[in-house]
């Protein structure tokens, strides 16, 4: 039975793994994180819980609509809210899906039945140990893996730049009372705030605060205590309740400036090596799903 190593247990990697496993390929997924999901992350701090990365998922393609409906039917996701698209107002109001109990529920459901090893950093590839490899980390990390193994780095990847996001997870002493559970301030360093209790993620009042890209660029390598305080102060006029505890997190590769639109690509190597992830098919969770399907199709073609 042919085998494939997949690096990265986010949406792209898990989608590719599921598609390959369905075709009889022996798949192993590895990820350096403590849990699957990448930016579809849910964290517990005391009695509070937080979606501190991706807040929701939207749907625009038939394949991803089918995947979301399957997860809805299985009780993994639900429609959290319906809002217009900021980037594409011509699309009108769109459903925003959230994981039931937290965004991490989605990748956990996708990983069910797969061989997955978390807490496993990868910098060297063992070409003799598998028949194909799929790399799905953010472009800078993928480039590092390629370079460490003497493989040529595609020029298209070198050109990709990312915006960072700084996240603050705040526990409150009373409900945040955000309209519809979320708010995007018109100005200031806060890009987005989400009420985890409203989403059904947290049993107690808790708030996730995301910075703007501009604020993150200026503060990401500074003392987190200072930028955490600044974001909490900027958020204060927009929510009820007082902050009783706060924890911060840096997302260095939050949003690529551009994407390639090719689905996935191969690089020259002793065995098939396929590159995938959101930068290849759109900077959204759905783009990662599309890329994972494209990567699986490439692997199947190369192994046939």
Protein backbone atom coordinates (compact mmCIF):
# COMPACT_ATOMS: atom_id res chain seq x y z
CA UNK A 1 0.00 0.00 0.00
CA UNK A 2 1.49 3.40 -0.95
CA UNK A 3 2.14 5.78 1.93
CA UNK A 4 2.11 9.56 2.29
CA UNK A 5 3.51 11.79 5.03
CA UNK A 6 1.53 14.98 5.56
CA UNK A 7 3.15 17.81 7.49
CA UNK A 8 0.57 20.06 9.14
CA UNK A 9 -2.72 19.12 10.81
CA UNK A 10 -4.71 22.17 9.80
CA UNK A 11 -7.58 22.22 7.31
CA UNK A 12 -5.33 21.63 4.26
CA UNK A 13 -3.40 18.75 5.74
CA UNK A 14 -6.39 16.97 7.24
CA UNK A 15 -8.45 17.41 4.05
CA UNK A 16 -5.64 15.93 1.97
CA UNK A 17 -5.22 13.09 4.45
CA UNK A 18 -8.91 12.19 4.41
CA UNK A 19 -9.05 12.25 0.61
CA UNK A 20 -5.95 10.05 0.29
CA UNK A 21 -7.09 7.61 2.98
CA UNK A 22 -10.40 7.24 1.14
CA UNK A 23 -8.39 6.04 -1.88
CA UNK A 24 -6.49 3.42 0.11
CA UNK A 25 -3.32 5.43 0.74
CA UNK A 26 -1.59 4.83 4.09
CA UNK A 27 -1.41 8.32 5.61
CA UNK A 28 0.48 9.76 8.58
CA UNK A 29 -0.17 13.38 9.61
CA UNK A 30 2.38 15.15 11.82
CA UNK A 31 2.17 18.60 13.38
CA UNK A 32 4.47 20.56 15.68
CA UNK A 33 1.53 21.89 17.71
CA UNK A 34 0.07 20.31 20.81
CA UNK A 35 -3.24 19.73 19.04
CA UNK A 36 -4.68 19.57 15.54
CA UNK A 37 -6.21 22.58 13.87
CA UNK A 38 -3.61 25.29 13.41
CA UNK A 39 -5.50 28.60 13.65
CA UNK A 40 -8.78 26.77 14.24
CA UNK A 41 -7.77 26.85 17.88
CA UNK A 42 -9.69 26.63 21.14
CA UNK A 43 -7.99 27.18 24.50
CA UNK A 44 -9.20 26.67 28.06
CA UNK A 45 -8.01 28.88 30.91
CA UNK A 46 -9.62 27.97 34.21
CA UNK A 47 -13.39 27.87 33.71
CA UNK A 48 -13.20 30.02 30.56
CA UNK A 49 -12.73 28.85 26.98
CA UNK A 50 -11.67 30.86 23.94
CA UNK A 51 -11.60 30.53 20.18
CA UNK A 52 -8.42 32.59 19.84
CA UNK A 53 -7.61 32.06 16.16
CA UNK A 54 -10.15 31.68 13.35
CA UNK A 55 -13.54 32.75 14.65
CA UNK A 56 -15.80 31.23 12.03
CA UNK A 57 -15.95 29.61 8.58
CA UNK A 58 -17.82 30.83 5.51
CA UNK A 59 -18.81 28.77 2.47
CA UNK A 60 -18.71 29.62 -1.23
CA UNK A 61 -17.93 26.38 -3.10
CA UNK A 62 -20.08 23.27 -3.49
CA UNK A 63 -17.41 20.91 -2.15
CA UNK A 64 -16.92 22.91 1.03
CA UNK A 65 -20.67 23.38 1.41
CA UNK A 66 -21.03 19.60 1.38
CA UNK A 67 -18.28 19.27 4.00
CA UNK A 68 -19.88 21.87 6.27
CA UNK A 69 -23.31 20.27 5.91
CA UNK A 70 -21.86 16.90 6.89
CA UNK A 71 -20.32 18.49 9.97
CA UNK A 72 -23.60 20.24 10.79
CA UNK A 73 -25.45 16.92 10.48
CA UNK A 74 -22.87 15.34 12.80
CA UNK A 75 -23.33 18.08 15.39
CA UNK A 76 -19.80 19.40 14.94
CA UNK A 77 -20.65 22.84 13.51
CA UNK A 78 -23.57 25.24 13.50
CA UNK A 79 -24.38 28.61 11.96
CA UNK A 80 -23.22 31.12 14.57
CA UNK A 81 -24.20 34.32 12.75
CA UNK A 82 -25.08 35.75 9.36
CA UNK A 83 -23.27 38.88 8.19
CA UNK A 84 -22.39 40.61 4.91
CA UNK A 85 -18.98 39.96 3.42
CA UNK A 86 -16.65 42.88 4.08
CA UNK A 87 -14.36 41.96 1.18
CA UNK A 88 -17.21 41.09 -1.22
CA UNK A 89 -20.34 43.09 -0.30
CA UNK A 90 -21.95 42.01 -3.57
CA UNK A 91 -22.40 38.53 -2.05
CA UNK A 92 -24.81 39.90 0.52
CA UNK A 93 -25.39 38.18 3.84
CA UNK A 94 -23.43 34.94 4.34
CA UNK A 95 -23.67 32.23 6.99
CA UNK A 96 -20.73 32.01 9.39
CA UNK A 97 -20.19 28.53 10.81
CA UNK A 98 -18.54 27.90 14.18
CA UNK A 99 -17.52 24.70 15.88
CA UNK A 100 -19.98 23.48 18.51
CA UNK A 101 -18.02 23.93 21.71
CA UNK A 102 -15.10 25.59 19.93
CA UNK A 103 -13.47 25.91 16.52
CA UNK A 104 -11.08 23.07 17.29
CA UNK A 105 -14.02 20.68 17.11
CA UNK A 106 -13.85 20.98 13.31
CA UNK A 107 -10.26 19.71 12.82
CA UNK A 108 -10.74 17.16 15.57
CA UNK A 109 -13.69 15.73 13.62
CA UNK A 110 -11.66 15.72 10.39
CA UNK A 111 -8.79 13.94 12.14
CA UNK A 112 -10.99 11.12 13.45
CA UNK A 113 -9.77 7.77 12.13
CA UNK A 114 -6.48 9.18 10.82
CA UNK A 115 -2.98 8.47 12.13
CA UNK A 116 -1.96 11.83 13.61
CA UNK A 117 1.12 12.72 15.68
CA UNK A 118 1.12 16.14 17.34
CA UNK A 119 4.05 17.74 19.13
CA UNK A 120 6.26 16.57 16.25
CA UNK A 121 8.32 19.33 14.59
CA UNK A 122 9.64 18.55 11.10
CA UNK A 123 12.72 20.11 9.58
CA UNK A 124 14.30 17.11 7.86
CA UNK A 125 12.47 14.87 5.40
CA UNK A 126 13.21 11.14 5.14
CA UNK A 127 12.53 10.37 1.50
CA UNK A 128 13.14 6.64 1.94
CA UNK A 129 10.48 6.35 4.65
CA UNK A 130 7.41 7.17 2.51
CA UNK A 131 6.19 7.29 -1.08
CA UNK A 132 5.06 10.93 -1.12
CA UNK A 133 5.07 14.01 1.11
CA UNK A 134 2.58 16.88 1.42
CA UNK A 135 3.79 20.08 3.12
CA UNK A 136 1.05 22.40 4.41
CA UNK A 137 2.68 24.82 6.93
CA UNK A 138 2.71 28.58 6.27
CA UNK A 139 4.98 29.53 3.37
CA UNK A 140 8.00 30.66 5.47
CA UNK A 141 8.02 27.38 7.40
CA UNK A 142 7.59 25.33 4.23
CA UNK A 143 10.50 27.22 2.64
CA UNK A 144 12.64 26.41 5.68
CA UNK A 145 11.88 22.69 5.36
CA UNK A 146 12.65 22.71 1.63
CA UNK A 147 15.93 24.57 2.12
CA UNK A 148 17.00 22.29 4.98
CA UNK A 149 16.60 19.32 2.65
CA UNK A 150 18.44 20.87 -0.29
CA UNK A 151 15.27 21.30 -2.35
CA UNK A 152 14.67 24.32 -4.55
CA UNK A 153 12.27 26.88 -3.10
CA UNK A 154 9.72 28.07 -5.68
CA UNK A 155 9.98 31.79 -6.45
CA UNK A 156 6.22 32.09 -5.93
CA UNK A 157 6.61 31.16 -2.26
CA UNK A 158 9.46 33.57 -1.66
CA UNK A 159 7.20 36.43 -2.71
CA UNK A 160 4.46 35.59 -0.17
CA UNK A 161 4.23 37.96 2.78
CA UNK A 162 1.97 37.68 5.82
CA UNK A 163 0.18 39.98 8.20
CA UNK A 164 0.38 39.02 11.85
CA UNK A 165 -2.37 39.24 14.46
CA UNK A 166 -2.05 39.72 18.18
CA UNK A 167 -4.77 38.00 20.20
CA UNK A 168 -5.89 38.62 23.77
CA UNK A 169 -8.08 36.17 25.68
CA UNK A 170 -9.89 37.99 28.48
CA UNK A 171 -12.04 36.44 31.21
CA UNK A 172 -14.84 38.78 32.36
CA UNK A 173 -16.81 39.14 35.57
CA UNK A 174 -20.11 39.45 33.67
CA UNK A 175 -21.33 38.81 30.09
CA UNK A 176 -19.63 40.91 27.39
CA UNK A 177 -23.00 41.88 25.87
CA UNK A 178 -21.64 42.30 22.35
CA UNK A 179 -24.38 42.78 19.70
CA UNK A 180 -24.84 39.35 18.07
CA UNK A 181 -21.71 38.20 19.91
CA UNK A 182 -19.18 40.14 17.88
CA UNK A 183 -18.03 43.63 17.00
CA UNK A 184 -15.51 45.15 14.60
CA UNK A 185 -14.58 48.68 15.78
CA UNK A 186 -14.36 51.29 13.02
CA UNK A 187 -11.00 52.58 14.22
CA UNK A 188 -8.21 51.85 16.67
CA UNK A 189 -5.94 48.85 17.21
CA UNK A 190 -8.75 46.29 17.64
CA UNK A 191 -9.87 44.60 14.43
CA UNK A 192 -12.39 42.17 15.87
CA UNK A 193 -13.87 41.07 19.19
CA UNK A 194 -15.86 37.88 19.78
CA UNK A 195 -17.93 36.77 22.77
CA UNK A 196 -17.06 33.14 23.46
CA UNK A 197 -19.98 32.70 25.85
CA UNK A 198 -22.38 33.92 23.16
CA UNK A 199 -20.86 31.38 20.74
CA UNK A 200 -21.43 28.58 23.24
CA UNK A 201 -17.69 28.00 23.58
CA UNK A 202 -17.27 29.17 27.16
CA UNK A 203 -19.36 28.43 30.23
CA UNK A 204 -18.31 31.76 31.75
CA UNK A 205 -18.01 35.23 30.19
CA UNK A 206 -14.91 35.46 28.02
CA UNK A 207 -13.78 37.66 25.18
CA UNK A 208 -11.34 37.19 22.29
CA UNK A 209 -9.72 40.35 20.97
CA UNK A 210 -7.79 40.45 17.69
CA UNK A 211 -5.53 43.33 16.73
CA UNK A 212 -5.31 45.03 13.37
CA UNK A 213 -2.43 44.05 11.11
CA UNK A 214 -0.88 47.49 11.55
CA UNK A 215 -0.86 47.23 15.34
CA UNK A 216 0.58 43.71 15.17
CA UNK A 217 3.39 44.76 12.83
CA UNK A 218 4.42 47.50 15.25
CA UNK A 219 4.19 45.42 18.45
CA UNK A 220 4.65 41.70 17.72
CA UNK A 221 8.25 41.55 18.97
CA UNK A 222 7.63 43.82 21.95
CA UNK A 223 6.77 42.94 25.53
CA UNK A 224 3.36 41.22 25.40
CA UNK A 225 2.33 42.79 28.69
CA UNK A 226 2.38 46.22 27.05
CA UNK A 227 0.41 45.35 23.93
CA UNK A 228 -2.04 43.21 25.88
CA UNK A 229 -2.80 46.22 28.09
CA UNK A 230 -3.19 48.48 25.03
CA UNK A 231 -5.66 46.11 23.35
CA UNK A 232 -7.67 45.67 26.54
CA UNK A 233 -7.93 49.44 26.94
CA UNK A 234 -9.00 49.88 23.31
CA UNK A 235 -11.61 47.14 23.66
CA UNK A 236 -13.07 48.41 26.94
CA UNK A 237 -15.62 50.87 25.46
CA UNK A 238 -17.15 48.10 23.32
CA UNK A 239 -18.05 45.47 25.94
CA UNK A 240 -19.70 45.08 29.32
CA UNK A 241 -18.05 43.41 32.27
CA UNK A 242 -14.65 43.89 33.83
CA UNK A 243 -11.53 41.89 32.95
CA UNK A 244 -10.48 39.47 35.69
CA UNK A 245 -7.70 37.71 33.76
CA UNK A 246 -6.03 38.03 30.37
CA UNK A 247 -3.66 35.88 28.31
CA UNK A 248 -2.05 36.82 24.99
CA UNK A 249 -1.02 34.94 21.85
CA UNK A 250 0.93 35.89 18.72
CA UNK A 251 -0.26 34.67 15.32
CA UNK A 252 2.75 35.46 13.12
CA UNK A 253 1.26 34.04 9.92
CA UNK A 254 -2.33 35.17 10.26
CA UNK A 255 -3.15 36.41 6.77
CA UNK A 256 -1.14 36.21 3.53
CA UNK A 257 -1.03 39.40 1.47
CA UNK A 258 -1.65 37.40 -1.70
CA UNK A 259 -2.48 33.87 -2.80
CA UNK A 260 -1.39 31.85 -5.81
CA UNK A 261 -4.68 30.36 -7.01
CA UNK A 262 -3.11 27.12 -8.22
CA UNK A 263 -4.51 24.78 -5.57
CA UNK A 264 -1.17 23.09 -4.88
CA UNK A 265 2.22 22.63 -6.52
CA UNK A 266 5.04 20.12 -6.72
CA UNK A 267 8.78 20.58 -6.24
CA UNK A 268 11.66 18.52 -7.56
CA UNK A 269 12.61 15.81 -5.08
CA UNK A 270 13.53 12.10 -4.98
CA UNK A 271 9.85 11.31 -4.33
CA UNK A 272 6.69 13.33 -5.00
CA UNK A 273 6.62 16.39 -2.72
CA UNK A 274 3.47 18.51 -2.93
CA UNK A 275 3.03 21.94 -1.38
CA UNK A 276 -0.42 22.97 -0.17
CA UNK A 277 -2.18 25.37 2.18
CA UNK A 278 -4.28 28.49 2.09
CA UNK A 279 -1.72 30.51 0.09
CA UNK A 280 -2.36 28.20 -2.87
CA UNK A 281 -6.14 28.60 -3.03
CA UNK A 282 -7.39 31.62 -1.08
CA UNK A 283 -6.66 33.00 2.37
CA UNK A 284 -9.62 31.45 4.14
CA UNK A 285 -10.40 28.13 5.81
CA UNK A 286 -12.24 27.20 2.63
CA UNK A 287 -9.11 27.98 0.59
CA UNK A 288 -7.16 25.52 2.74
CA UNK A 289 -9.85 22.91 2.10
CA UNK A 290 -9.66 23.48 -1.67
CA UNK A 291 -5.87 23.22 -1.53
CA UNK A 292 -6.00 19.99 0.48
CA UNK A 293 -8.23 18.39 -2.16
CA UNK A 294 -5.90 19.59 -4.93
CA UNK A 295 -2.86 18.20 -3.10
CA UNK A 296 -4.51 14.80 -2.69
CA UNK A 297 -5.35 14.71 -6.39
CA UNK A 298 -1.73 15.52 -7.27
CA UNK A 299 -0.41 12.80 -4.99
CA UNK A 300 -2.76 10.22 -6.48
CA UNK A 301 -1.69 11.21 -10.01
CA UNK A 302 2.01 11.06 -9.12
CA UNK A 303 1.71 7.67 -7.42
CA UNK A 304 -0.38 6.10 -10.18
